[in-house]
Amino acid sequence: MSPALPMCPQKKQAGFTLIEIMVVVIIIGIIVSAAFLSMGSVRNDRDLTTEAQRLIALAAVAQDEAAMQGREFGIELLTSGYRFVEFDGFTGQWADVPGDELLRERKLSEGLEIELFLEGKQILLDDDPAPFEDPNASGTRAATDIYAPHLLIFSSGDTTPFEVQISKAVNDLRVVVRGDALGLVEIIDPDEP
């Protein structure tokens, strides 16, 4: 029989090693950063869609008011917003829509931009709304100085055919809104011809 060896009490590991903790922290960091990145792109996409739907809804309101009240409206597009205007038959000039909170000037969310295409050609947009004509101004003005909105909404229901692209340059996302001559305005697939 062999002599009995004294038993050493075994130490139980009471925690995690520094390497194990660091690995867990790195994994959590990767998961959190991936979640923030994906949420950011979803938010940007949602901003684009919201702005496009707002433009469509407001154009529909202007079309309804034009048809019901026999008024002529227009939309002036800007690089980061748009405004509705109304043709005043008494003065023969365009002006802001008085007392209509829905058809006020709109600014897009931060970082979004508008591009306008009429008959397949891109139209250069200004950052700020153009000034209206002054009916009391003396002298003749050149035809290029006369104010006119980009898009027209007639009381007959007809509209200017157009394509508006709302985009965010940072991540190259965009939404395309297209309107036809009969007043149908809708979001389309950006890759559709």
Protein backbone atom coordinates (compact mmCIF):
# COMPACT_ATOMS: atom_id res chain seq x y z
CA MET A 1 0.00 0.00 0.00
CA SER A 2 1.31 3.32 -0.85
CA PRO A 3 1.40 6.09 1.57
CA ALA A 4 -1.54 8.42 1.33
CA LEU A 5 -0.81 11.78 -0.13
CA PRO A 6 -2.17 14.70 1.69
CA MET A 7 -5.09 16.22 -0.16
CA CYS A 8 -4.65 19.81 -1.30
CA PRO A 9 -7.75 21.80 -1.22
CA GLN A 10 -8.58 22.89 -4.80
CA LYS A 11 -9.09 26.55 -5.35
CA LYS A 12 -12.26 27.42 -7.20
CA GLN A 13 -11.98 30.20 -9.69
CA ALA A 14 -14.07 33.00 -8.22
CA GLY A 15 -14.34 35.39 -11.21
CA PHE A 16 -13.50 36.11 -14.80
CA THR A 17 -10.07 36.80 -16.17
CA LEU A 18 -9.24 40.17 -17.61
CA ILE A 19 -9.11 38.70 -21.13
CA GLU A 20 -12.61 37.23 -20.82
CA ILE A 21 -14.00 40.60 -19.70
CA MET A 22 -12.28 42.42 -22.56
CA VAL A 23 -13.66 39.97 -25.14
CA VAL A 24 -17.20 40.45 -23.81
CA VAL A 25 -16.84 44.26 -23.86
CA ILE A 26 -15.56 44.18 -27.46
CA ILE A 27 -18.45 41.96 -28.58
CA ILE A 28 -21.00 44.24 -26.90
CA GLY A 29 -19.36 47.28 -28.53
CA ILE A 30 -19.59 45.72 -31.98
CA ILE A 31 -23.26 44.83 -31.50
CA VAL A 32 -24.15 48.30 -30.21
CA SER A 33 -22.33 50.10 -33.03
CA ALA A 34 -24.01 47.90 -35.65
CA ALA A 35 -27.39 48.65 -34.09
CA PHE A 36 -26.75 52.43 -34.13
CA LEU A 37 -25.62 52.34 -37.76
CA SER A 38 -28.67 50.40 -38.89
CA MET A 39 -31.02 52.63 -36.89
CA GLY A 40 -29.43 55.71 -38.46
CA SER A 41 -30.04 54.50 -42.00
CA VAL A 42 -33.61 53.48 -41.18
CA ARG A 43 -34.24 56.93 -39.68
CA ASN A 44 -32.82 58.64 -42.77
CA ASP A 45 -34.97 56.49 -45.03
CA ARG A 46 -38.00 57.29 -42.87
CA ASP A 47 -37.22 61.04 -43.10
CA LEU A 48 -37.11 60.83 -46.89
CA THR A 49 -40.38 58.92 -47.10
CA THR A 50 -42.09 61.26 -44.63
CA GLU A 51 -41.06 64.35 -46.60
CA ALA A 52 -42.20 62.78 -49.89
CA GLN A 53 -45.57 61.80 -48.41
CA ARG A 54 -46.00 65.30 -46.97
CA LEU A 55 -45.36 66.87 -50.40
CA ILE A 56 -47.89 64.51 -52.01
CA ALA A 57 -50.52 65.21 -49.34
CA LEU A 58 -50.08 68.98 -49.57
CA ALA A 59 -50.25 68.88 -53.37
CA ALA A 60 -53.53 66.94 -53.04
CA VAL A 61 -54.89 69.62 -50.66
CA ALA A 62 -53.94 72.34 -53.16
CA GLN A 63 -55.56 70.35 -56.00
CA ASP A 64 -58.79 69.96 -53.99
CA GLU A 65 -58.90 73.66 -53.08
CA ALA A 66 -58.16 74.66 -56.67
CA ALA A 67 -60.99 72.49 -58.01
CA MET A 68 -63.56 73.38 -55.35
CA GLN A 69 -62.86 77.11 -55.22
CA GLY A 70 -61.80 77.78 -58.81
CA ARG A 71 -58.37 79.02 -57.74
CA GLU A 72 -54.98 78.53 -59.40
CA PHE A 73 -52.04 77.43 -57.24
CA GLY A 74 -48.36 76.95 -57.82
CA ILE A 75 -45.44 75.33 -56.03
CA GLU A 76 -42.03 76.97 -55.93
CA LEU A 77 -39.37 74.38 -55.12
CA LEU A 78 -36.19 75.29 -53.25
CA THR A 79 -33.03 73.28 -52.62
CA SER A 80 -34.24 72.39 -49.12
CA GLY A 81 -37.95 73.20 -49.10
CA TYR A 82 -40.92 74.50 -51.07
CA ARG A 83 -43.74 77.01 -50.86
CA PHE A 84 -47.24 77.19 -52.26
CA VAL A 85 -48.38 80.32 -54.04
CA GLU A 86 -51.73 81.48 -55.43
CA PHE A 87 -52.52 83.42 -58.58
CA ASP A 88 -54.46 86.59 -57.84
CA GLY A 89 -56.78 87.27 -60.76
CA PHE A 90 -57.32 90.91 -59.74
CA THR A 91 -53.64 91.87 -59.84
CA GLY A 92 -52.57 89.22 -62.35
CA GLN A 93 -49.69 88.19 -60.09
CA TRP A 94 -48.60 85.34 -57.84
CA ALA A 95 -48.61 85.76 -54.06
CA ASP A 96 -48.42 83.73 -50.85
CA VAL A 97 -51.56 81.79 -49.98
CA PRO A 98 -53.22 84.02 -47.36
CA GLY A 99 -54.41 82.49 -44.09
CA ASP A 100 -53.84 78.85 -45.04
CA GLU A 101 -51.59 77.14 -42.50
CA LEU A 102 -51.43 73.91 -44.54
CA LEU A 103 -50.08 75.64 -47.65
CA ARG A 104 -47.37 77.62 -45.89
CA GLU A 105 -43.66 77.49 -46.78
CA ARG A 106 -42.05 74.17 -45.79
CA LYS A 107 -38.45 73.32 -44.93
CA LEU A 108 -37.13 69.77 -45.27
CA SER A 109 -35.46 67.91 -42.43
CA GLU A 110 -31.78 68.69 -41.88
CA GLY A 111 -29.51 67.29 -44.61
CA LEU A 112 -32.25 66.60 -47.18
CA GLU A 113 -32.23 68.24 -50.59
CA ILE A 114 -34.64 68.57 -53.52
CA GLU A 115 -33.91 68.18 -57.20
CA LEU A 116 -36.55 69.07 -59.80
CA PHE A 117 -36.88 67.61 -63.29
CA LEU A 118 -39.31 69.04 -65.87
CA GLU A 119 -39.61 67.23 -69.21
CA GLY A 120 -36.52 65.20 -68.29
CA LYS A 121 -34.33 68.26 -67.70
CA GLN A 122 -32.98 69.21 -64.30
CA ILE A 123 -34.03 72.66 -63.13
CA LEU A 124 -31.61 74.63 -60.96
CA LEU A 125 -33.25 75.56 -57.68
CA ASP A 126 -32.55 78.50 -55.40
CA ASP A 127 -31.90 78.28 -51.67
CA ASP A 128 -34.44 81.02 -50.86
CA PRO A 129 -37.86 81.86 -52.31
CA ALA A 130 -37.88 84.31 -55.19
CA PRO A 131 -39.39 87.74 -54.50
CA PHE A 132 -42.85 88.44 -55.88
CA GLU A 133 -43.43 91.24 -58.36
CA ASP A 134 -44.18 94.63 -56.90
CA PRO A 135 -47.40 95.85 -58.56
CA ASN A 136 -46.50 99.45 -57.68
CA ALA A 137 -43.05 99.32 -59.27
CA SER A 138 -42.65 101.64 -62.23
CA GLY A 139 -40.98 100.75 -65.49
CA THR A 140 -41.06 97.61 -67.55
CA ARG A 141 -39.41 94.43 -66.43
CA ALA A 142 -37.71 91.83 -68.54
CA ALA A 143 -39.69 88.64 -69.05
CA THR A 144 -37.01 86.73 -67.13
CA ASP A 145 -37.70 88.84 -64.00
CA ILE A 146 -41.40 87.99 -63.81
CA TYR A 147 -42.16 85.59 -60.95
CA ALA A 148 -43.65 82.22 -61.79
CA PRO A 149 -43.71 79.03 -59.69
CA HIS A 150 -42.12 75.82 -60.96
CA LEU A 151 -45.28 73.71 -60.78
CA LEU A 152 -48.82 74.83 -61.63
CA ILE A 153 -52.05 73.41 -60.18
CA PHE A 154 -55.05 74.54 -62.24
CA SER A 155 -58.67 74.65 -61.12
CA SER A 156 -59.46 72.24 -63.96
CA GLY A 157 -57.42 69.55 -62.16
CA ASP A 158 -54.51 69.68 -64.60
CA THR A 159 -50.99 70.08 -63.22
CA THR A 160 -47.47 70.50 -64.49
CA PRO A 161 -45.88 67.08 -65.07
CA PHE A 162 -42.78 66.82 -62.89
CA GLU A 163 -40.31 64.61 -61.08
CA VAL A 164 -38.93 65.63 -57.69
CA GLN A 165 -36.08 63.74 -56.07
CA ILE A 166 -35.64 64.17 -52.34
CA SER A 167 -32.23 62.92 -51.33
CA LYS A 168 -29.71 62.75 -48.53
CA ALA A 169 -26.23 63.11 -50.02
CA VAL A 170 -24.45 61.63 -47.01
CA ASN A 171 -25.69 58.09 -47.60
CA ASP A 172 -26.95 58.44 -51.20
CA LEU A 173 -30.57 57.58 -50.31
CA ARG A 174 -33.35 59.15 -52.35
CA VAL A 175 -37.09 59.09 -52.89
CA VAL A 176 -38.68 60.05 -56.20
CA VAL A 177 -42.06 61.79 -56.41
CA ARG A 178 -43.63 62.00 -59.86
CA GLY A 179 -46.69 63.96 -60.94
CA ASP A 180 -48.50 63.75 -64.26
CA ALA A 181 -50.58 66.26 -66.23
CA LEU A 182 -53.84 64.86 -64.80
CA GLY A 183 -52.83 65.57 -61.20
CA LEU A 184 -51.76 62.08 -60.10
CA VAL A 185 -48.79 62.46 -57.74
CA GLU A 186 -47.08 59.39 -56.31
CA ILE A 187 -43.83 57.95 -54.97
CA ILE A 188 -42.11 55.77 -57.56
CA ASP A 189 -39.16 53.40 -57.57
CA PRO A 190 -35.99 55.51 -58.09
CA ASP A 191 -34.68 53.00 -60.64
CA GLU A 192 -37.88 53.14 -62.74
CA PRO A 193 -37.44 55.03 -66.03
